[in-house]
């Protein structure tokens, strides 16, 4: 398992094209770009994108699992979606604050509870569909 450190992190290598070029390639040829970048740099590489700056891309499921299940604060930057949703969003929280909020949110989303929601959602949908014009 990786260890948290206060030393600056050196991101893995990635393309050295301009930010604009990297963005255009990634937006308009995402699947092909990901395949080529993974073949060239491996399962973890960096992009430098406008607005977001240096961005780490990970495609290895084991690396992702370690990153998201580690008790250490390996990632200290809020996600892009977190920036969009604001400071109160769990996606913009880090460290202890994120773990505490996640513990509160996870129980309603376990398998048995989700199964119980199916009937409620189905009933609400059917009730709402009856109000639609024919």
Protein backbone atom coordinates (compact mmCIF):
# COMPACT_ATOMS: atom_id res chain seq x y z
CA UNK A 1 0.00 0.00 0.00
CA UNK A 2 1.24 3.52 -0.76
CA UNK A 3 2.28 5.81 2.05
CA UNK A 4 1.23 9.41 2.60
CA UNK A 5 4.12 11.84 2.46
CA UNK A 6 4.70 15.56 2.69
CA UNK A 7 7.23 15.41 -0.14
CA UNK A 8 6.09 16.87 -3.46
CA UNK A 9 4.64 14.22 -5.74
CA UNK A 10 6.20 13.74 -9.14
CA UNK A 11 3.49 12.85 -11.62
CA UNK A 12 4.13 10.05 -14.11
CA UNK A 13 5.19 11.02 -17.63
CA UNK A 14 2.71 12.04 -20.28
CA UNK A 15 2.56 13.85 -23.59
CA UNK A 16 4.47 17.12 -23.82
CA UNK A 17 2.11 18.72 -26.35
CA UNK A 18 0.48 22.04 -25.47
CA UNK A 19 -2.48 22.14 -23.11
CA UNK A 20 -4.78 23.03 -25.98
CA UNK A 21 -3.54 20.15 -28.14
CA UNK A 22 -3.88 17.65 -25.29
CA UNK A 23 -7.41 18.86 -24.60
CA UNK A 24 -8.53 18.72 -28.24
CA UNK A 25 -7.12 15.22 -28.71
CA UNK A 26 -8.66 13.99 -25.48
CA UNK A 27 -12.07 15.53 -26.23
CA UNK A 28 -12.39 14.54 -29.88
CA UNK A 29 -10.56 11.22 -29.91
CA UNK A 30 -10.88 10.12 -26.29
CA UNK A 31 -10.97 6.33 -26.76
CA UNK A 32 -8.15 6.27 -29.28
CA UNK A 33 -6.12 8.78 -27.28
CA UNK A 34 -6.52 6.74 -24.07
CA UNK A 35 -5.43 3.57 -25.84
CA UNK A 36 -2.36 5.21 -27.37
CA UNK A 37 -1.38 7.00 -24.15
CA UNK A 38 -1.78 3.80 -22.11
CA UNK A 39 0.30 1.84 -24.65
CA UNK A 40 3.01 4.49 -24.55
CA UNK A 41 3.09 5.49 -20.85
CA UNK A 42 1.46 2.58 -19.04
CA UNK A 43 -1.56 2.47 -16.73
CA UNK A 44 -0.81 5.82 -15.13
CA UNK A 45 0.09 8.98 -17.03
CA UNK A 46 -0.27 12.75 -16.77
CA UNK A 47 -2.09 15.26 -18.89
CA UNK A 48 -1.81 19.03 -18.60
CA UNK A 49 -5.26 20.44 -19.27
CA UNK A 50 -6.42 24.05 -19.37
CA UNK A 51 -8.36 25.10 -16.27
CA UNK A 52 -7.45 21.88 -14.39
CA UNK A 53 -3.67 21.88 -14.78
CA UNK A 54 -1.70 18.68 -14.23
CA UNK A 55 -4.12 15.75 -14.26
CA UNK A 56 -3.37 12.14 -13.34
CA UNK A 57 -5.06 9.43 -15.43
CA UNK A 58 -5.14 5.90 -14.00
CA UNK A 59 -6.50 2.90 -15.91
CA UNK A 60 -5.30 0.02 -13.72
CA UNK A 61 -8.18 -1.29 -11.54
CA UNK A 62 -5.78 -2.36 -8.77
CA UNK A 63 -4.20 1.11 -8.63
CA UNK A 64 -7.64 2.73 -8.55
CA UNK A 65 -8.78 0.45 -5.75
CA UNK A 66 -5.71 1.27 -3.71
CA UNK A 67 -6.18 4.98 -4.33
CA UNK A 68 -9.83 5.03 -3.30
CA UNK A 69 -9.64 2.60 -0.39
CA UNK A 70 -6.45 3.84 1.20
CA UNK A 71 -6.82 5.28 4.68
CA UNK A 72 -4.04 7.69 3.81
CA UNK A 73 -4.67 11.05 2.27
CA UNK A 74 -2.99 10.25 -1.03
CA UNK A 75 -5.10 12.69 -2.99
CA UNK A 76 -5.57 16.18 -1.65
CA UNK A 77 -7.12 17.95 -4.60
CA UNK A 78 -10.89 18.10 -5.05
CA UNK A 79 -12.26 16.52 -8.19
CA UNK A 80 -13.46 18.50 -11.17
CA UNK A 81 -17.02 17.48 -10.36
CA UNK A 82 -16.44 18.61 -6.79
CA UNK A 83 -15.47 22.06 -8.04
CA UNK A 84 -18.66 22.18 -10.09
CA UNK A 85 -20.91 21.03 -7.23
CA UNK A 86 -19.35 23.34 -4.63
CA UNK A 87 -17.62 23.14 -1.26
CA UNK A 88 -20.45 21.26 0.51
CA UNK A 89 -20.32 18.37 -1.96
CA UNK A 90 -18.70 15.13 -0.81
CA UNK A 91 -16.80 15.21 -4.11
CA UNK A 92 -15.03 18.41 -3.06
CA UNK A 93 -14.07 17.17 0.42
CA UNK A 94 -10.76 15.56 1.29
CA UNK A 95 -9.21 13.65 4.16
CA UNK A 96 -11.08 13.12 7.43
CA UNK A 97 -14.00 15.32 6.39
CA UNK A 98 -14.55 13.19 3.27
CA UNK A 99 -14.36 9.90 5.20
CA UNK A 100 -16.84 11.10 7.84
CA UNK A 101 -19.37 12.26 5.24
CA UNK A 102 -18.91 9.06 3.24
CA UNK A 103 -19.66 6.92 6.32
CA UNK A 104 -22.96 8.77 6.64
CA UNK A 105 -23.86 8.35 2.98
CA UNK A 106 -22.86 4.75 2.26
CA UNK A 107 -25.48 2.78 4.27
CA UNK A 108 -28.50 3.88 2.19
CA UNK A 109 -26.74 2.61 -0.93
CA UNK A 110 -26.05 -0.98 0.11
CA UNK A 111 -27.62 -3.76 -1.99
CA UNK A 112 -30.63 -4.59 0.21
CA UNK A 113 -31.65 -0.97 0.59
CA UNK A 114 -31.33 -0.32 -3.13
CA UNK A 115 -33.58 -3.33 -3.79
CA UNK A 116 -36.19 -1.77 -1.49
CA UNK A 117 -36.07 1.48 -3.49
CA UNK A 118 -36.96 -0.29 -6.74
CA UNK A 119 -40.61 -0.74 -5.77
CA UNK A 120 -40.90 2.86 -4.56
CA UNK A 121 -39.40 4.26 -7.77
CA UNK A 122 -41.59 2.00 -9.90
CA UNK A 123 -44.76 3.09 -8.05
CA UNK A 124 -43.84 6.77 -8.32
CA UNK A 125 -43.10 6.43 -12.01
CA UNK A 126 -46.45 4.73 -12.71
CA UNK A 127 -48.30 7.36 -10.66
CA UNK A 128 -46.56 10.19 -12.54
CA UNK A 129 -47.05 8.51 -15.96
CA UNK A 130 -50.82 8.52 -15.39
CA UNK A 131 -50.73 12.34 -15.49
CA UNK A 132 -49.13 12.42 -18.93
CA UNK A 133 -51.36 13.38 -21.86
CA UNK A 134 -52.13 10.53 -24.24
